Amino acid sequence: MNSDTHRQQVLFVWTEDSRLDSRIVGWSFFDGGDPRAAMDDPPATLAVELLADGWRLLQASTLSTRPAGDEFAHGVLEFEWLFERIVATS
């Protein structure tokens, strides 16, 4: 990738469960060309829609087992997906 003509954008997405076609409940966006860039609105409704929008899936969430009785415990968002896309600099 030529940094004079293109830049990387990275998108972390958290979903409500371990399926790629599940609802997005949180996100964090980083733009290599503009560190102040923000994504205030959800990038999509379902994580799988990002693939159709040109995002490449780099890492899927790891599955973990929960002990019985722990199904409703609160904690960190565990279903994390990492996407990237390369865009032309303007």
PDB file of N, CA and C in Angstrom:
ATOM      1  N   MET A   1       0.846  -1.171   0.000  1.00  0.00           N
ATOM      2  CA  MET A   1       0.000   0.000   0.000  1.00  0.00           C
ATOM      3  C   MET A   1       0.894   1.239   0.000  1.00  0.00           C
ATOM      4  N   ASN A   2       0.587   2.149  -0.861  1.00  0.00           N
ATOM      5  CA  ASN A   2       1.324   3.399  -0.954  1.00  0.00           C
ATOM      6  C   ASN A   2       0.650   4.431  -0.040  1.00  0.00           C
ATOM      7  N   SER A   3       1.358   4.876   0.998  1.00  0.00           N
ATOM      8  CA  SER A   3       0.759   5.802   1.958  1.00  0.00           C
ATOM      9  C   SER A   3       0.507   7.186   1.369  1.00  0.00           C
ATOM     10  N   ASP A   4       1.063   7.465   0.191  1.00  0.00           N
ATOM     11  CA  ASP A   4       0.780   8.743  -0.463  1.00  0.00           C
ATOM     12  C   ASP A   4      -0.583   8.743  -1.143  1.00  0.00           C
ATOM     13  N   THR A   5      -1.080   7.564  -1.489  1.00  0.00           N
ATOM     14  CA  THR A   5      -2.337   7.485  -2.226  1.00  0.00           C
ATOM     15  C   THR A   5      -3.456   6.767  -1.474  1.00  0.00           C
ATOM     16  N   HIS A   6      -3.114   5.997  -0.437  1.00  0.00           N
ATOM     17  CA  HIS A   6      -4.117   5.213   0.280  1.00  0.00           C
ATOM     18  C   HIS A   6      -3.840   5.245   1.785  1.00  0.00           C
ATOM     19  N   ARG A   7      -4.879   4.969   2.547  1.00  0.00           N
ATOM     20  CA  ARG A   7      -4.730   4.870   3.995  1.00  0.00           C
ATOM     21  C   ARG A   7      -5.611   3.739   4.521  1.00  0.00           C
ATOM     22  N   GLN A   8      -5.273   3.265   5.694  1.00  0.00           N
ATOM     23  CA  GLN A   8      -6.012   2.181   6.328  1.00  0.00           C
ATOM     24  C   GLN A   8      -7.023   2.746   7.320  1.00  0.00           C
ATOM     25  N   GLN A   9      -8.195   2.135   7.334  1.00  0.00           N
ATOM     26  CA  GLN A   9      -9.199   2.403   8.357  1.00  0.00           C
ATOM     27  C   GLN A   9      -9.449   1.090   9.096  1.00  0.00           C
ATOM     28  N   VAL A  10      -9.558   1.172  10.402  1.00  0.00           N
ATOM     29  CA  VAL A  10      -9.766  -0.010  11.243  1.00  0.00           C
ATOM     30  C   VAL A  10     -11.051   0.184  12.038  1.00  0.00           C
ATOM     31  N   LEU A  11     -11.836  -0.873  12.116  1.00  0.00           N
ATOM     32  CA  LEU A  11     -13.119  -0.818  12.806  1.00  0.00           C
ATOM     33  C   LEU A  11     -13.256  -2.024  13.729  1.00  0.00           C
ATOM     34  N   PHE A  12     -13.356  -1.771  15.024  1.00  0.00           N
ATOM     35  CA  PHE A  12     -13.657  -2.808  15.995  1.00  0.00           C
ATOM     36  C   PHE A  12     -15.160  -2.800  16.201  1.00  0.00           C
ATOM     37  N   VAL A  13     -15.769  -3.972  16.147  1.00  0.00           N
ATOM     38  CA  VAL A  13     -17.220  -4.087  16.290  1.00  0.00           C
ATOM     39  C   VAL A  13     -17.520  -5.139  17.350  1.00  0.00           C
ATOM     40  N   TRP A  14     -18.490  -4.838  18.219  1.00  0.00           N
ATOM     41  CA  TRP A  14     -18.963  -5.804  19.202  1.00  0.00           C
ATOM     42  C   TRP A  14     -20.414  -6.136  18.877  1.00  0.00           C
ATOM     43  N   THR A  15     -20.729  -7.424  18.893  1.00  0.00           N
ATOM     44  CA  THR A  15     -22.079  -7.877  18.558  1.00  0.00           C
ATOM     45  C   THR A  15     -22.741  -8.520  19.777  1.00  0.00           C
ATOM     46  N   GLU A  16     -24.052  -8.707  19.664  1.00  0.00           N
ATOM     47  CA  GLU A  16     -24.795  -9.239  20.806  1.00  0.00           C
ATOM     48  C   GLU A  16     -24.556 -10.728  21.026  1.00  0.00           C
ATOM     49  N   ASP A  17     -24.072 -11.447  20.018  1.00  0.00           N
ATOM     50  CA  ASP A  17     -23.685 -12.845  20.224  1.00  0.00           C
ATOM     51  C   ASP A  17     -22.568 -13.202  19.255  1.00  0.00           C
ATOM     52  N   SER A  18     -22.230 -14.463  19.158  1.00  0.00           N
ATOM     53  CA  SER A  18     -21.036 -14.888  18.434  1.00  0.00           C
ATOM     54  C   SER A  18     -21.212 -15.037  16.919  1.00  0.00           C
ATOM     55  N   ARG A  19     -22.360 -14.719  16.400  1.00  0.00           N
ATOM     56  CA  ARG A  19     -22.601 -14.862  14.960  1.00  0.00           C
ATOM     57  C   ARG A  19     -22.289 -13.570  14.229  1.00  0.00           C
ATOM     58  N   LEU A  20     -21.724 -13.700  13.048  1.00  0.00           N
ATOM     59  CA  LEU A  20     -21.401 -12.517  12.244  1.00  0.00           C
ATOM     60  C   LEU A  20     -22.664 -11.805  11.774  1.00  0.00           C
ATOM     61  N   ASP A  21     -23.778 -12.511  11.724  1.00  0.00           N
ATOM     62  CA  ASP A  21     -25.029 -11.879  11.304  1.00  0.00           C
ATOM     63  C   ASP A  21     -25.860 -11.395  12.500  1.00  0.00           C
ATOM     64  N   SER A  22     -25.187 -11.136  13.613  1.00  0.00           N
ATOM     65  CA  SER A  22     -25.900 -10.613  14.776  1.00  0.00           C
ATOM     66  C   SER A  22     -25.793  -9.089  14.851  1.00  0.00           C
ATOM     67  N   ARG A  23     -26.604  -8.498  15.687  1.00  0.00           N
ATOM     68  CA  ARG A  23     -26.732  -7.045  15.794  1.00  0.00           C
ATOM     69  C   ARG A  23     -25.490  -6.412  16.420  1.00  0.00           C
ATOM     70  N   ILE A  24     -25.060  -5.295  15.860  1.00  0.00           N
ATOM     71  CA  ILE A  24     -23.931  -4.544  16.394  1.00  0.00           C
ATOM     72  C   ILE A  24     -24.393  -3.767  17.622  1.00  0.00           C
ATOM     73  N   VAL A  25     -23.656  -3.911  18.730  1.00  0.00           N
ATOM     74  CA  VAL A  25     -24.008  -3.206  19.965  1.00  0.00           C
ATOM     75  C   VAL A  25     -22.944  -2.174  20.370  1.00  0.00           C
ATOM     76  N   GLY A  26     -21.788  -2.187  19.709  1.00  0.00           N
ATOM     77  CA  GLY A  26     -20.747  -1.216  20.001  1.00  0.00           C
ATOM     78  C   GLY A  26     -19.713  -1.210  18.897  1.00  0.00           C
ATOM     79  N   TRP A  27     -18.991  -0.099  18.753  1.00  0.00           N
ATOM     80  CA  TRP A  27     -17.967   0.006  17.719  1.00  0.00           C
ATOM     81  C   TRP A  27     -16.943   1.050  18.098  1.00  0.00           C
ATOM     82  N   SER A  28     -15.760   0.909  17.511  1.00  0.00           N
ATOM     83  CA  SER A  28     -14.689   1.879  17.684  1.00  0.00           C
ATOM     84  C   SER A  28     -13.960   1.992  16.354  1.00  0.00           C
ATOM     85  N   PHE A  29     -13.786   3.210  15.851  1.00  0.00           N
ATOM     86  CA  PHE A  29     -13.280   3.464  14.502  1.00  0.00           C
ATOM     87  C   PHE A  29     -11.970   4.239  14.569  1.00  0.00           C
ATOM     88  N   PHE A  30     -11.009   3.848  13.736  1.00  0.00           N
ATOM     89  CA  PHE A  30      -9.727   4.538  13.637  1.00  0.00           C
ATOM     90  C   PHE A  30      -9.386   4.746  12.171  1.00  0.00           C
ATOM     91  N   ASP A  31      -8.965   5.949  11.825  1.00  0.00           N
ATOM     92  CA  ASP A  31      -8.607   6.295  10.445  1.00  0.00           C
ATOM     93  C   ASP A  31      -7.129   6.675  10.427  1.00  0.00           C
ATOM     94  N   GLY A  32      -6.344   5.949   9.640  1.00  0.00           N
ATOM     95  CA  GLY A  32      -4.916   6.201   9.560  1.00  0.00           C
ATOM     96  C   GLY A  32      -4.555   7.558   8.994  1.00  0.00           C
ATOM     97  N   GLY A  33      -5.454   8.185   8.279  1.00  0.00           N
ATOM     98  CA  GLY A  33      -5.179   9.492   7.702  1.00  0.00           C
ATOM     99  C   GLY A  33      -5.668  10.651   8.546  1.00  0.00           C
ATOM    100  N   ASP A  34      -6.547  10.363   9.494  1.00  0.00           N
ATOM    101  CA  ASP A  34      -7.106  11.420  10.332  1.00  0.00           C
ATOM    102  C   ASP A  34      -7.372  10.869  11.731  1.00  0.00           C
ATOM    103  N   PRO A  35      -6.435  11.029  12.652  1.00  0.00           N
ATOM    104  CA  PRO A  35      -6.607  10.472  13.994  1.00  0.00           C
ATOM    105  C   PRO A  35      -7.811  11.028  14.745  1.00  0.00           C
ATOM    106  N   ARG A  36      -8.345  12.171  14.305  1.00  0.00           N
ATOM    107  CA  ARG A  36      -9.511  12.757  14.969  1.00  0.00           C
ATOM    108  C   ARG A  36     -10.830  12.294  14.356  1.00  0.00           C
ATOM    109  N   ALA A  37     -10.769  11.504  13.297  1.00  0.00           N
ATOM    110  CA  ALA A  37     -11.998  11.054  12.634  1.00  0.00           C
ATOM    111  C   ALA A  37     -12.853  10.255  13.612  1.00  0.00           C
ATOM    112  N   ALA A  38     -14.131  10.428  13.499  1.00  0.00           N
ATOM    113  CA  ALA A  38     -15.061   9.731  14.383  1.00  0.00           C
ATOM    114  C   ALA A  38     -16.176   9.102  13.563  1.00  0.00           C
ATOM    115  N   MET A  39     -16.748   8.061  14.095  1.00  0.00           N
ATOM    116  CA  MET A  39     -17.904   7.417  13.490  1.00  0.00           C
ATOM    117  C   MET A  39     -18.988   7.447  14.557  1.00  0.00           C
ATOM    118  N   ASP A  40     -19.815   8.484  14.515  1.00  0.00           N
ATOM    119  CA  ASP A  40     -20.811   8.697  15.555  1.00  0.00           C
ATOM    120  C   ASP A  40     -22.015   7.770  15.438  1.00  0.00           C
ATOM    121  N   ASP A  41     -22.352   7.387  14.217  1.00  0.00           N
ATOM    122  CA  ASP A  41     -23.486   6.499  14.002  1.00  0.00           C
ATOM    123  C   ASP A  41     -22.989   5.079  13.787  1.00  0.00           C
ATOM    124  N   PRO A  42     -23.811   4.086  14.088  1.00  0.00           N
ATOM    125  CA  PRO A  42     -23.398   2.700  13.860  1.00  0.00           C
ATOM    126  C   PRO A  42     -23.008   2.497  12.397  1.00  0.00           C
ATOM    127  N   PRO A  43     -21.943   1.760  12.137  1.00  0.00           N
ATOM    128  CA  PRO A  43     -21.508   1.546  10.762  1.00  0.00           C
ATOM    129  C   PRO A  43     -22.458   0.659   9.959  1.00  0.00           C
ATOM    130  N   ALA A  44     -23.271  -0.122  10.642  1.00  0.00           N
ATOM    131  CA  ALA A  44     -24.247  -1.018  10.017  1.00  0.00           C
ATOM    132  C   ALA A  44     -25.162  -1.525  11.128  1.00  0.00           C
ATOM    133  N   THR A  45     -26.189  -2.245  10.757  1.00  0.00           N
ATOM    134  CA  THR A  45     -27.063  -2.854  11.755  1.00  0.00           C
ATOM    135  C   THR A  45     -26.524  -4.212  12.180  1.00  0.00           C
ATOM    136  N   LEU A  46     -26.102  -5.002  11.187  1.00  0.00           N
ATOM    137  CA  LEU A  46     -25.540  -6.330  11.430  1.00  0.00           C
ATOM    138  C   LEU A  46     -24.075  -6.341  11.007  1.00  0.00           C
ATOM    139  N   ALA A  47     -23.255  -7.084  11.706  1.00  0.00           N
ATOM    140  CA  ALA A  47     -21.824  -7.130  11.401  1.00  0.00           C
ATOM    141  C   ALA A  47     -21.563  -7.644   9.986  1.00  0.00           C
ATOM    142  N   VAL A  48     -22.341  -8.584   9.515  1.00  0.00           N
ATOM    143  CA  VAL A  48     -22.123  -9.152   8.181  1.00  0.00           C
ATOM    144  C   VAL A  48     -22.313  -8.105   7.081  1.00  0.00           C
ATOM    145  N   GLU A  49     -23.097  -7.070   7.338  1.00  0.00           N
ATOM    146  CA  GLU A  49     -23.312  -6.010   6.349  1.00  0.00           C
ATOM    147  C   GLU A  49     -22.030  -5.248   6.045  1.00  0.00           C
ATOM    148  N   LEU A  50     -21.089  -5.249   6.964  1.00  0.00           N
ATOM    149  CA  LEU A  50     -19.820  -4.556   6.735  1.00  0.00           C
ATOM    150  C   LEU A  50     -19.038  -5.169   5.583  1.00  0.00           C
ATOM    151  N   LEU A  51     -19.151  -6.484   5.407  1.00  0.00           N
ATOM    152  CA  LEU A  51     -18.466  -7.152   4.291  1.00  0.00           C
ATOM    153  C   LEU A  51     -18.974  -6.621   2.953  1.00  0.00           C
ATOM    154  N   ALA A  52     -20.275  -6.418   2.843  1.00  0.00           N
ATOM    155  CA  ALA A  52     -20.853  -5.887   1.610  1.00  0.00           C
ATOM    156  C   ALA A  52     -20.459  -4.432   1.386  1.00  0.00           C
ATOM    157  N   ASP A  53     -20.106  -3.726   2.475  1.00  0.00           N
ATOM    158  CA  ASP A  53     -19.694  -2.320   2.370  1.00  0.00           C
ATOM    159  C   ASP A  53     -18.202  -2.155   2.101  1.00  0.00           C
ATOM    160  N   GLY A  54     -17.505  -3.262   1.873  1.00  0.00           N
ATOM    161  CA  GLY A  54     -16.091  -3.178   1.524  1.00  0.00           C
ATOM    162  C   GLY A  54     -15.114  -3.363   2.668  1.00  0.00           C
ATOM    163  N   TRP A  55     -15.608  -3.627   3.873  1.00  0.00           N
ATOM    164  CA  TRP A  55     -14.715  -3.904   5.000  1.00  0.00           C
ATOM    165  C   TRP A  55     -14.238  -5.344   4.914  1.00  0.00           C
ATOM    166  N   ARG A  56     -12.968  -5.575   5.246  1.00  0.00           N
ATOM    167  CA  ARG A  56     -12.411  -6.926   5.270  1.00  0.00           C
ATOM    168  C   ARG A  56     -12.320  -7.400   6.710  1.00  0.00           C
ATOM    169  N   LEU A  57     -12.781  -8.615   6.946  1.00  0.00           N
ATOM    170  CA  LEU A  57     -12.740  -9.193   8.285  1.00  0.00           C
ATOM    171  C   LEU A  57     -11.339  -9.724   8.555  1.00  0.00           C
ATOM    172  N   LEU A  58     -10.697  -9.221   9.602  1.00  0.00           N
ATOM    173  CA  LEU A  58      -9.346  -9.648   9.958  1.00  0.00           C
ATOM    174  C   LEU A  58      -9.332 -10.622  11.120  1.00  0.00           C
ATOM    175  N   GLN A  59     -10.238 -10.445  12.055  1.00  0.00           N
ATOM    176  CA  GLN A  59     -10.246 -11.306  13.235  1.00  0.00           C
ATOM    177  C   GLN A  59     -11.660 -11.463  13.751  1.00  0.00           C
ATOM    178  N   ALA A  60     -12.013 -12.687  14.057  1.00  0.00           N
ATOM    179  CA  ALA A  60     -13.328 -12.978  14.610  1.00  0.00           C
ATOM    180  C   ALA A  60     -13.215 -13.139  16.118  1.00  0.00           C
ATOM    181  N   SER A  61     -14.328 -13.030  16.781  1.00  0.00           N
ATOM    182  CA  SER A  61     -14.323 -13.169  18.232  1.00  0.00           C
ATOM    183  C   SER A  61     -14.038 -14.613  18.625  1.00  0.00           C
ATOM    184  N   THR A  62     -13.336 -14.770  19.730  1.00  0.00           N
ATOM    185  CA  THR A  62     -13.084 -16.104  20.254  1.00  0.00           C
ATOM    186  C   THR A  62     -14.262 -16.509  21.121  1.00  0.00           C
ATOM    187  N   LEU A  63     -14.620 -17.763  21.035  1.00  0.00           N
ATOM    188  CA  LEU A  63     -15.751 -18.256  21.817  1.00  0.00           C
ATOM    189  C   LEU A  63     -15.257 -18.731  23.170  1.00  0.00           C
ATOM    190  N   SER A  64     -15.987 -18.409  24.192  1.00  0.00           N
ATOM    191  CA  SER A  64     -15.646 -18.875  25.526  1.00  0.00           C
ATOM    192  C   SER A  64     -16.877 -19.516  26.145  1.00  0.00           C
ATOM    193  N   THR A  65     -16.634 -20.474  26.989  1.00  0.00           N
ATOM    194  CA  THR A  65     -17.758 -21.119  27.669  1.00  0.00           C
ATOM    195  C   THR A  65     -17.995 -20.432  28.999  1.00  0.00           C
ATOM    196  N   ARG A  66     -19.238 -20.349  29.367  1.00  0.00           N
ATOM    197  CA  ARG A  66     -19.616 -19.753  30.655  1.00  0.00           C
ATOM    198  C   ARG A  66     -20.150 -20.858  31.554  1.00  0.00           C
ATOM    199  N   PRO A  67     -19.791 -20.797  32.810  1.00  0.00           N
ATOM    200  CA  PRO A  67     -20.340 -21.794  33.730  1.00  0.00           C
ATOM    201  C   PRO A  67     -21.846 -21.615  33.902  1.00  0.00           C
ATOM    202  N   ALA A  68     -22.523 -22.687  34.209  1.00  0.00           N
ATOM    203  CA  ALA A  68     -23.971 -22.635  34.428  1.00  0.00           C
ATOM    204  C   ALA A  68     -24.288 -21.622  35.519  1.00  0.00           C
ATOM    205  N   GLY A  69     -25.314 -20.813  35.265  1.00  0.00           N
ATOM    206  CA  GLY A  69     -25.705 -19.791  36.216  1.00  0.00           C
ATOM    207  C   GLY A  69     -25.059 -18.442  35.953  1.00  0.00           C
ATOM    208  N   ASP A  70     -24.116 -18.388  35.008  1.00  0.00           N
ATOM    209  CA  ASP A  70     -23.394 -17.147  34.712  1.00  0.00           C
ATOM    210  C   ASP A  70     -23.897 -16.503  33.410  1.00  0.00           C
ATOM    211  N   GLU A  71     -25.008 -16.992  32.889  1.00  0.00           N
ATOM    212  CA  GLU A  71     -25.499 -16.538  31.587  1.00  0.00           C
ATOM    213  C   GLU A  71     -25.871 -15.065  31.562  1.00  0.00           C
ATOM    214  N   PHE A  72     -26.265 -14.508  32.675  1.00  0.00           N
ATOM    215  CA  PHE A  72     -26.747 -13.130  32.705  1.00  0.00           C
ATOM    216  C   PHE A  72     -25.797 -12.182  33.441  1.00  0.00           C
ATOM    217  N   ALA A  73     -24.567 -12.630  33.658  1.00  0.00           N
ATOM    218  CA  ALA A  73     -23.580 -11.781  34.343  1.00  0.00           C
ATOM    219  C   ALA A  73     -23.148 -10.641  33.425  1.00  0.00           C
ATOM    220  N   HIS A  74     -22.939  -9.475  33.986  1.00  0.00           N
ATOM    221  CA  HIS A  74     -22.486  -8.317  33.227  1.00  0.00           C
ATOM    222  C   HIS A  74     -20.968  -8.314  33.175  1.00  0.00           C
ATOM    223  N   GLY A  75     -20.419  -7.697  32.162  1.00  0.00           N
ATOM    224  CA  GLY A  75     -18.968  -7.598  32.034  1.00  0.00           C
ATOM    225  C   GLY A  75     -18.614  -6.933  30.720  1.00  0.00           C
ATOM    226  N   VAL A  76     -17.431  -7.225  30.229  1.00  0.00           N
ATOM    227  CA  VAL A  76     -16.984  -6.635  28.969  1.00  0.00           C
ATOM    228  C   VAL A  76     -17.780  -7.220  27.808  1.00  0.00           C
ATOM    229  N   LEU A  77     -17.803  -6.493  26.700  1.00  0.00           N
ATOM    230  CA  LEU A  77     -18.442  -7.010  25.493  1.00  0.00           C
ATOM    231  C   LEU A  77     -17.503  -8.061  24.908  1.00  0.00           C
ATOM    232  N   GLU A  78     -17.937  -9.301  24.855  1.00  0.00           N
ATOM    233  CA  GLU A  78     -17.019 -10.369  24.499  1.00  0.00           C
ATOM    234  C   GLU A  78     -16.994 -10.734  23.021  1.00  0.00           C
ATOM    235  N   PHE A  79     -17.978 -10.367  22.244  1.00  0.00           N
ATOM    236  CA  PHE A  79     -18.027 -10.778  20.846  1.00  0.00           C
ATOM    237  C   PHE A  79     -17.476  -9.661  19.974  1.00  0.00           C
ATOM    238  N   GLU A  80     -16.151  -9.651  19.812  1.00  0.00           N
ATOM    239  CA  GLU A  80     -15.440  -8.582  19.118  1.00  0.00           C
ATOM    240  C   GLU A  80     -14.976  -9.051  17.746  1.00  0.00           C
ATOM    241  N   TRP A  81     -15.139  -8.189  16.768  1.00  0.00           N
ATOM    242  CA  TRP A  81     -14.717  -8.441  15.390  1.00  0.00           C
ATOM    243  C   TRP A  81     -13.825  -7.284  14.967  1.00  0.00           C
ATOM    244  N   LEU A  82     -12.804  -7.574  14.189  1.00  0.00           N
ATOM    245  CA  LEU A  82     -11.893  -6.548  13.718  1.00  0.00           C
ATOM    246  C   LEU A  82     -11.958  -6.496  12.194  1.00  0.00           C
ATOM    247  N   PHE A  83     -12.295  -5.330  11.673  1.00  0.00           N
ATOM    248  CA  PHE A  83     -12.415  -5.103  10.231  1.00  0.00           C
ATOM    249  C   PHE A  83     -11.420  -4.034   9.800  1.00  0.00           C
ATOM    250  N   GLU A  84     -11.048  -4.067   8.526  1.00  0.00           N
ATOM    251  CA  GLU A  84     -10.231  -2.989   7.957  1.00  0.00           C
ATOM    252  C   GLU A  84     -10.697  -2.734   6.532  1.00  0.00           C
ATOM    253  N   ARG A  85     -10.388  -1.544   6.077  1.00  0.00           N
ATOM    254  CA  ARG A  85     -10.547  -1.239   4.659  1.00  0.00           C
ATOM    255  C   ARG A  85      -9.475  -0.245   4.286  1.00  0.00           C
ATOM    256  N   ILE A  86      -9.076  -0.298   3.020  1.00  0.00           N
ATOM    257  CA  ILE A  86      -8.092   0.615   2.478  1.00  0.00           C
ATOM    258  C   ILE A  86      -8.849   1.604   1.597  1.00  0.00           C
ATOM    259  N   VAL A  87      -8.667   2.888   1.854  1.00  0.00           N
ATOM    260  CA  VAL A  87      -9.368   3.923   1.078  1.00  0.00           C
ATOM    261  C   VAL A  87      -8.355   4.860   0.467  1.00  0.00           C
ATOM    262  N   ALA A  88      -8.743   5.446  -0.642  1.00  0.00           N
ATOM    263  CA  ALA A  88      -7.869   6.404  -1.311  1.00  0.00           C
ATOM    264  C   ALA A  88      -7.823   7.690  -0.508  1.00  0.00           C
ATOM    265  N   THR A  89      -6.643   8.279  -0.432  1.00  0.00           N
ATOM    266  CA  THR A  89      -6.531   9.588   0.215  1.00  0.00           C
ATOM    267  C   THR A  89      -7.037  10.646  -0.769  1.00  0.00           C
ATOM    268  N   SER A  90      -7.624  11.686  -0.223  1.00  0.00           N
ATOM    269  CA  SER A  90      -8.170  12.705  -1.117  1.00  0.00           C
ATOM    270  C   SER A  90      -7.295  13.922  -1.155  1.00  0.00           C
TER     271      SER A  90
END
